[in-house]
Amino acid sequence: MVDERKAIRDHIGALVETVYPGRVFTTRDTDGRGLDEYVNIYFEEGEIITEGLYRFTEARLVVGYHRAGHPKDDQLDAGMEPIAALLDNEPDLGDVAQGLTPTGFQYSDTTAEFSSLLHNYVITY
């Protein structure tokens, strides 16, 4: 399971790197010092589901866009736009997952230096 989650984070990270030129972290804990903006990708929680002999996992995946200087919401929206356009429209997940469904978003001021726009997804694998 740990290897599956790492493979998914790495795969989603590689997809994001095709549309986002900045630093992409595939972990919850990030060090944005010295960066004007960055993206991080991480799992928040998951549930293992068994239906007969078939077993799969549905997990909450968070993709966060973080920008220094406490930008306006419109600026966060603009930074997240190419990433959301890619991930919200059935990206190629290869063999790491069966589906990725957008479920919501939230704005936050995660640190004294950065404001964030977090997009939430359910990923099935």
N, C-alpha and C. Protein backbone atom coordinates (compact mmCIF):
# COMPACT_ATOMS: atom_id res chain seq x y z
N MET A 1 0.80 -1.20 0.00
CA MET A 1 0.00 0.00 0.00
C MET A 1 0.84 1.26 0.00
N VAL A 2 1.90 1.28 0.79
CA VAL A 2 2.77 2.46 0.84
C VAL A 2 3.37 2.70 -0.54
N ASP A 3 3.81 1.64 -1.19
CA ASP A 3 4.39 1.78 -2.53
C ASP A 3 3.35 2.30 -3.52
N GLU A 4 2.10 1.87 -3.39
CA GLU A 4 1.04 2.36 -4.27
C GLU A 4 0.82 3.85 -4.09
N ARG A 5 0.78 4.30 -2.85
CA ARG A 5 0.57 5.73 -2.60
C ARG A 5 1.72 6.55 -3.14
N LYS A 6 2.94 6.09 -2.95
CA LYS A 6 4.10 6.81 -3.48
C LYS A 6 4.04 6.86 -5.00
N ALA A 7 3.70 5.75 -5.64
CA ALA A 7 3.61 5.71 -7.10
C ALA A 7 2.54 6.69 -7.60
N ILE A 8 1.42 6.77 -6.90
CA ILE A 8 0.36 7.69 -7.29
C ILE A 8 0.82 9.13 -7.13
N ARG A 9 1.40 9.48 -5.98
CA ARG A 9 1.88 10.85 -5.77
C ARG A 9 2.91 11.22 -6.84
N ASP A 10 3.83 10.32 -7.11
CA ASP A 10 4.86 10.59 -8.12
C ASP A 10 4.25 10.76 -9.50
N HIS A 11 3.27 9.93 -9.84
CA HIS A 11 2.63 10.01 -11.16
C HIS A 11 1.85 11.32 -11.31
N ILE A 12 1.07 11.67 -10.30
CA ILE A 12 0.32 12.93 -10.34
C ILE A 12 1.31 14.10 -10.38
N GLY A 13 2.38 14.01 -9.63
CA GLY A 13 3.40 15.06 -9.65
C GLY A 13 4.00 15.24 -11.03
N ALA A 14 4.30 14.14 -11.71
CA ALA A 14 4.84 14.23 -13.07
C ALA A 14 3.83 14.85 -14.03
N LEU A 15 2.55 14.52 -13.86
CA LEU A 15 1.51 15.15 -14.69
C LEU A 15 1.47 16.65 -14.45
N VAL A 16 1.48 17.05 -13.18
CA VAL A 16 1.42 18.48 -12.84
C VAL A 16 2.62 19.21 -13.42
N GLU A 17 3.79 18.59 -13.40
CA GLU A 17 4.99 19.23 -13.94
C GLU A 17 4.88 19.53 -15.43
N THR A 18 3.96 18.88 -16.13
CA THR A 18 3.79 19.17 -17.57
C THR A 18 3.07 20.49 -17.80
N VAL A 19 2.37 21.01 -16.78
CA VAL A 19 1.63 22.27 -16.95
C VAL A 19 2.05 23.34 -15.96
N TYR A 20 2.85 22.99 -14.98
CA TYR A 20 3.28 23.95 -13.96
C TYR A 20 4.80 24.00 -13.93
N PRO A 21 5.39 25.18 -14.17
CA PRO A 21 6.85 25.27 -14.29
C PRO A 21 7.60 25.34 -12.96
N GLY A 22 6.89 25.51 -11.85
CA GLY A 22 7.56 25.68 -10.56
C GLY A 22 7.87 24.36 -9.87
N ARG A 23 8.23 24.46 -8.60
CA ARG A 23 8.60 23.31 -7.79
C ARG A 23 7.36 22.52 -7.40
N VAL A 24 7.42 21.20 -7.57
CA VAL A 24 6.32 20.31 -7.19
C VAL A 24 6.84 19.33 -6.14
N PHE A 25 6.23 19.35 -4.98
CA PHE A 25 6.55 18.42 -3.90
C PHE A 25 5.49 17.33 -3.87
N THR A 26 5.89 16.11 -3.58
CA THR A 26 4.92 15.01 -3.48
C THR A 26 4.84 14.53 -2.03
N THR A 27 4.70 15.50 -1.15
CA THR A 27 4.61 15.22 0.28
C THR A 27 3.82 16.32 0.97
N ARG A 28 3.30 16.02 2.12
CA ARG A 28 2.55 16.99 2.91
C ARG A 28 3.49 18.07 3.45
N ASP A 29 4.58 17.67 4.05
CA ASP A 29 5.53 18.62 4.63
C ASP A 29 6.44 19.16 3.55
N THR A 30 6.44 20.46 3.40
CA THR A 30 7.25 21.10 2.37
C THR A 30 8.05 22.23 2.99
N ASP A 31 9.11 22.60 2.32
CA ASP A 31 9.91 23.74 2.73
C ASP A 31 9.92 24.73 1.57
N GLY A 32 9.06 25.72 1.65
CA GLY A 32 8.93 26.70 0.58
C GLY A 32 9.85 27.89 0.72
N ARG A 33 10.76 27.86 1.70
CA ARG A 33 11.67 28.99 1.87
C ARG A 33 12.44 29.24 0.58
N GLY A 34 12.49 30.50 0.20
CA GLY A 34 13.21 30.87 -1.01
C GLY A 34 12.40 30.72 -2.28
N LEU A 35 11.17 30.22 -2.17
CA LEU A 35 10.31 30.05 -3.34
C LEU A 35 9.20 31.09 -3.31
N ASP A 36 8.81 31.55 -4.49
CA ASP A 36 7.66 32.46 -4.59
C ASP A 36 6.35 31.68 -4.61
N GLU A 37 6.41 30.46 -5.13
CA GLU A 37 5.22 29.61 -5.21
C GLU A 37 5.66 28.17 -5.36
N TYR A 38 4.76 27.26 -5.04
CA TYR A 38 5.03 25.84 -5.23
C TYR A 38 3.71 25.08 -5.16
N VAL A 39 3.78 23.81 -5.57
CA VAL A 39 2.64 22.90 -5.50
C VAL A 39 3.05 21.71 -4.65
N ASN A 40 2.12 21.22 -3.83
CA ASN A 40 2.37 19.95 -3.17
C ASN A 40 1.17 19.02 -3.33
N ILE A 41 1.48 17.74 -3.32
CA ILE A 41 0.50 16.68 -3.58
C ILE A 41 0.62 15.67 -2.45
N TYR A 42 -0.51 15.37 -1.80
CA TYR A 42 -0.43 14.42 -0.69
C TYR A 42 -1.79 13.76 -0.45
N PHE A 43 -1.73 12.62 0.22
CA PHE A 43 -2.94 11.93 0.65
C PHE A 43 -3.35 12.45 2.02
N GLU A 44 -4.64 12.60 2.21
CA GLU A 44 -5.13 13.01 3.51
C GLU A 44 -5.71 11.83 4.29
N GLU A 45 -6.45 10.97 3.61
CA GLU A 45 -7.01 9.78 4.25
C GLU A 45 -7.50 8.83 3.17
N GLY A 46 -7.75 7.59 3.54
CA GLY A 46 -8.25 6.63 2.59
C GLY A 46 -9.06 5.54 3.26
N GLU A 47 -9.84 4.85 2.45
CA GLU A 47 -10.67 3.75 2.95
C GLU A 47 -10.52 2.56 2.02
N ILE A 48 -10.25 1.41 2.59
CA ILE A 48 -10.16 0.18 1.81
C ILE A 48 -11.55 -0.43 1.76
N ILE A 49 -12.00 -0.71 0.55
CA ILE A 49 -13.35 -1.22 0.33
C ILE A 49 -13.25 -2.62 -0.26
N THR A 50 -14.03 -3.55 0.31
CA THR A 50 -14.07 -4.91 -0.20
C THR A 50 -15.48 -5.21 -0.67
N GLU A 51 -15.59 -5.62 -1.92
CA GLU A 51 -16.87 -6.04 -2.50
C GLU A 51 -16.67 -7.43 -3.07
N GLY A 52 -17.13 -8.43 -2.34
CA GLY A 52 -16.91 -9.81 -2.76
C GLY A 52 -15.42 -10.11 -2.73
N LEU A 53 -14.89 -10.54 -3.86
CA LEU A 53 -13.46 -10.84 -3.96
C LEU A 53 -12.65 -9.64 -4.42
N TYR A 54 -13.33 -8.55 -4.74
CA TYR A 54 -12.66 -7.37 -5.28
C TYR A 54 -12.37 -6.38 -4.15
N ARG A 55 -11.16 -5.89 -4.11
CA ARG A 55 -10.74 -4.95 -3.08
C ARG A 55 -10.10 -3.74 -3.74
N PHE A 56 -10.49 -2.55 -3.31
CA PHE A 56 -9.90 -1.32 -3.85
C PHE A 56 -9.87 -0.27 -2.75
N THR A 57 -9.17 0.81 -3.04
CA THR A 57 -9.03 1.90 -2.08
C THR A 57 -9.57 3.18 -2.69
N GLU A 58 -10.34 3.92 -1.90
CA GLU A 58 -10.74 5.28 -2.25
C GLU A 58 -10.06 6.20 -1.26
N ALA A 59 -9.31 7.15 -1.76
CA ALA A 59 -8.54 8.02 -0.88
C ALA A 59 -8.71 9.47 -1.27
N ARG A 60 -8.57 10.33 -0.28
CA ARG A 60 -8.64 11.76 -0.52
C ARG A 60 -7.23 12.25 -0.84
N LEU A 61 -7.09 12.81 -2.03
CA LEU A 61 -5.82 13.35 -2.50
C LEU A 61 -5.96 14.87 -2.56
N VAL A 62 -4.98 15.57 -2.02
CA VAL A 62 -5.00 17.03 -2.01
C VAL A 62 -3.88 17.54 -2.91
N VAL A 63 -4.21 18.49 -3.77
CA VAL A 63 -3.23 19.18 -4.59
C VAL A 63 -3.29 20.65 -4.19
N GLY A 64 -2.20 21.14 -3.61
CA GLY A 64 -2.19 22.51 -3.12
C GLY A 64 -1.28 23.41 -3.94
N TYR A 65 -1.79 24.60 -4.25
CA TYR A 65 -0.99 25.64 -4.89
C TYR A 65 -0.75 26.72 -3.83
N HIS A 66 0.52 27.01 -3.57
CA HIS A 66 0.90 27.93 -2.50
C HIS A 66 1.70 29.08 -3.11
N ARG A 67 1.35 30.30 -2.70
CA ARG A 67 2.01 31.48 -3.25
C ARG A 67 2.36 32.45 -2.13
N ALA A 68 3.58 32.97 -2.17
CA ALA A 68 4.06 33.90 -1.15
C ALA A 68 3.41 35.27 -1.29
N GLY A 69 3.43 36.02 -0.20
CA GLY A 69 2.98 37.40 -0.25
C GLY A 69 1.49 37.60 -0.10
N HIS A 70 0.78 36.60 0.31
CA HIS A 70 -0.67 36.68 0.52
C HIS A 70 -1.41 37.29 -0.66
N PRO A 71 -1.38 36.59 -1.78
CA PRO A 71 -2.06 37.07 -2.99
C PRO A 71 -3.58 37.05 -2.82
N LYS A 72 -4.24 37.74 -3.72
CA LYS A 72 -5.70 37.74 -3.77
C LYS A 72 -6.18 36.37 -4.27
N ASP A 73 -7.44 36.06 -3.98
CA ASP A 73 -8.01 34.79 -4.43
C ASP A 73 -7.91 34.62 -5.94
N ASP A 74 -8.10 35.71 -6.69
CA ASP A 74 -8.01 35.63 -8.15
C ASP A 74 -6.62 35.18 -8.60
N GLN A 75 -5.59 35.60 -7.89
CA GLN A 75 -4.23 35.19 -8.24
C GLN A 75 -4.00 33.71 -7.93
N LEU A 76 -4.57 33.26 -6.83
CA LEU A 76 -4.48 31.82 -6.52
C LEU A 76 -5.25 31.01 -7.56
N ASP A 77 -6.42 31.49 -7.95
CA ASP A 77 -7.20 30.81 -8.99
C ASP A 77 -6.39 30.70 -10.28
N ALA A 78 -5.75 31.79 -10.67
CA ALA A 78 -4.97 31.79 -11.92
C ALA A 78 -3.80 30.82 -11.85
N GLY A 79 -3.15 30.73 -10.69
CA GLY A 79 -2.03 29.80 -10.54
C GLY A 79 -2.47 28.34 -10.57
N MET A 80 -3.65 28.08 -10.03
CA MET A 80 -4.15 26.70 -9.98
C MET A 80 -4.83 26.28 -11.28
N GLU A 81 -5.25 27.24 -12.10
CA GLU A 81 -6.06 26.94 -13.29
C GLU A 81 -5.48 25.85 -14.19
N PRO A 82 -4.21 25.93 -14.63
CA PRO A 82 -3.73 24.87 -15.54
C PRO A 82 -3.66 23.50 -14.86
N ILE A 83 -3.40 23.49 -13.58
CA ILE A 83 -3.33 22.23 -12.84
C ILE A 83 -4.72 21.61 -12.73
N ALA A 84 -5.69 22.43 -12.34
CA ALA A 84 -7.07 21.94 -12.22
C ALA A 84 -7.61 21.51 -13.57
N ALA A 85 -7.31 22.27 -14.62
CA ALA A 85 -7.79 21.90 -15.96
C ALA A 85 -7.28 20.52 -16.35
N LEU A 86 -6.06 20.21 -15.99
CA LEU A 86 -5.48 18.90 -16.29
C LEU A 86 -6.12 17.81 -15.43
N LEU A 87 -6.15 18.01 -14.13
CA LEU A 87 -6.59 16.94 -13.23
C LEU A 87 -8.10 16.75 -13.19
N ASP A 88 -8.86 17.80 -13.50
CA ASP A 88 -10.32 17.69 -13.46
C ASP A 88 -10.91 17.01 -14.69
N ASN A 89 -10.09 16.77 -15.70
CA ASN A 89 -10.60 16.24 -16.97
C ASN A 89 -10.01 14.89 -17.32
N GLU A 90 -10.12 13.96 -16.39
CA GLU A 90 -9.72 12.57 -16.61
C GLU A 90 -8.31 12.44 -17.17
N PRO A 91 -7.30 12.80 -16.37
CA PRO A 91 -5.93 12.67 -16.84
C PRO A 91 -5.55 11.20 -17.01
N ASP A 92 -4.49 10.96 -17.75
CA ASP A 92 -3.98 9.60 -17.94
C ASP A 92 -3.30 9.15 -16.65
N LEU A 93 -3.92 8.23 -15.96
CA LEU A 93 -3.38 7.74 -14.70
C LEU A 93 -2.52 6.49 -14.87
N GLY A 94 -2.34 6.08 -16.12
CA GLY A 94 -1.54 4.89 -16.37
C GLY A 94 -2.11 3.71 -15.60
N ASP A 95 -1.24 2.92 -15.02
CA ASP A 95 -1.71 1.76 -14.26
C ASP A 95 -1.66 1.99 -12.75
N VAL A 96 -1.49 3.26 -12.32
CA VAL A 96 -1.40 3.51 -10.88
C VAL A 96 -2.76 3.70 -10.21
N ALA A 97 -3.79 4.05 -10.99
CA ALA A 97 -5.11 4.28 -10.41
C ALA A 97 -6.19 4.13 -11.47
N GLN A 98 -7.42 3.90 -11.01
CA GLN A 98 -8.54 3.74 -11.93
C GLN A 98 -9.28 5.05 -12.20
N GLY A 99 -9.28 5.98 -11.25
CA GLY A 99 -10.03 7.20 -11.47
C GLY A 99 -9.66 8.30 -10.49
N LEU A 100 -9.87 9.54 -10.93
CA LEU A 100 -9.60 10.72 -10.13
C LEU A 100 -10.79 11.66 -10.29
N THR A 101 -11.47 11.96 -9.19
CA THR A 101 -12.69 12.76 -9.23
C THR A 101 -12.53 14.00 -8.35
N PRO A 102 -12.73 15.20 -8.91
CA PRO A 102 -12.66 16.40 -8.08
C PRO A 102 -13.83 16.44 -7.10
N THR A 103 -13.56 16.86 -5.85
CA THR A 103 -14.61 16.88 -4.83
C THR A 103 -14.76 18.22 -4.12
N GLY A 104 -13.84 19.14 -4.31
CA GLY A 104 -13.97 20.42 -3.64
C GLY A 104 -12.67 21.19 -3.61
N PHE A 105 -12.71 22.33 -2.93
CA PHE A 105 -11.53 23.19 -2.82
C PHE A 105 -11.65 24.04 -1.56
N GLN A 106 -10.52 24.63 -1.18
CA GLN A 106 -10.56 25.59 -0.08
C GLN A 106 -9.36 26.52 -0.19
N TYR A 107 -9.58 27.75 0.24
CA TYR A 107 -8.51 28.74 0.35
C TYR A 107 -8.02 28.73 1.79
N SER A 108 -6.72 28.97 1.98
CA SER A 108 -6.23 29.08 3.34
C SER A 108 -4.93 29.87 3.36
N ASP A 109 -4.62 30.37 4.53
CA ASP A 109 -3.32 30.98 4.79
C ASP A 109 -2.57 29.99 5.65
N THR A 110 -1.84 29.09 4.99
CA THR A 110 -1.24 27.96 5.70
C THR A 110 -0.06 28.35 6.57
N THR A 111 0.66 29.39 6.18
CA THR A 111 1.80 29.85 6.97
C THR A 111 1.80 31.37 6.94
N ALA A 112 2.71 31.95 7.69
CA ALA A 112 2.83 33.40 7.69
C ALA A 112 3.27 33.92 6.33
N GLU A 113 3.97 33.09 5.55
CA GLU A 113 4.51 33.53 4.27
C GLU A 113 3.62 33.21 3.07
N PHE A 114 2.82 32.16 3.15
CA PHE A 114 2.11 31.66 1.98
C PHE A 114 0.59 31.65 2.18
N SER A 115 -0.11 31.93 1.10
CA SER A 115 -1.54 31.66 1.01
C SER A 115 -1.71 30.50 0.04
N SER A 116 -2.81 29.78 0.17
CA SER A 116 -2.95 28.54 -0.58
C SER A 116 -4.35 28.36 -1.14
N LEU A 117 -4.40 27.63 -2.24
CA LEU A 117 -5.64 27.11 -2.78
C LEU A 117 -5.46 25.60 -2.88
N LEU A 118 -6.29 24.87 -2.16
CA LEU A 118 -6.20 23.41 -2.12
C LEU A 118 -7.37 22.82 -2.90
N HIS A 119 -7.06 21.92 -3.82
CA HIS A 119 -8.10 21.19 -4.55
C HIS A 119 -8.12 19.76 -4.02
N ASN A 120 -9.31 19.27 -3.73
CA ASN A 120 -9.49 17.93 -3.18
C ASN A 120 -10.03 16.99 -4.24
N TYR A 121 -9.53 15.77 -4.22
CA TYR A 121 -9.94 14.74 -5.17
C TYR A 121 -10.16 13.44 -4.42
N VAL A 122 -11.00 12.58 -4.97
CA VAL A 122 -11.05 11.19 -4.55
C VAL A 122 -10.39 10.39 -5.65
N ILE A 123 -9.40 9.61 -5.26
CA ILE A 123 -8.70 8.76 -6.23
C ILE A 123 -8.99 7.31 -5.87
N THR A 124 -9.29 6.53 -6.88
CA THR A 124 -9.61 5.12 -6.69
C THR A 124 -8.48 4.29 -7.26
N TYR A 125 -7.97 3.35 -6.45
CA TYR A 125 -6.88 2.47 -6.91
C TYR A 125 -6.98 1.12 -6.26
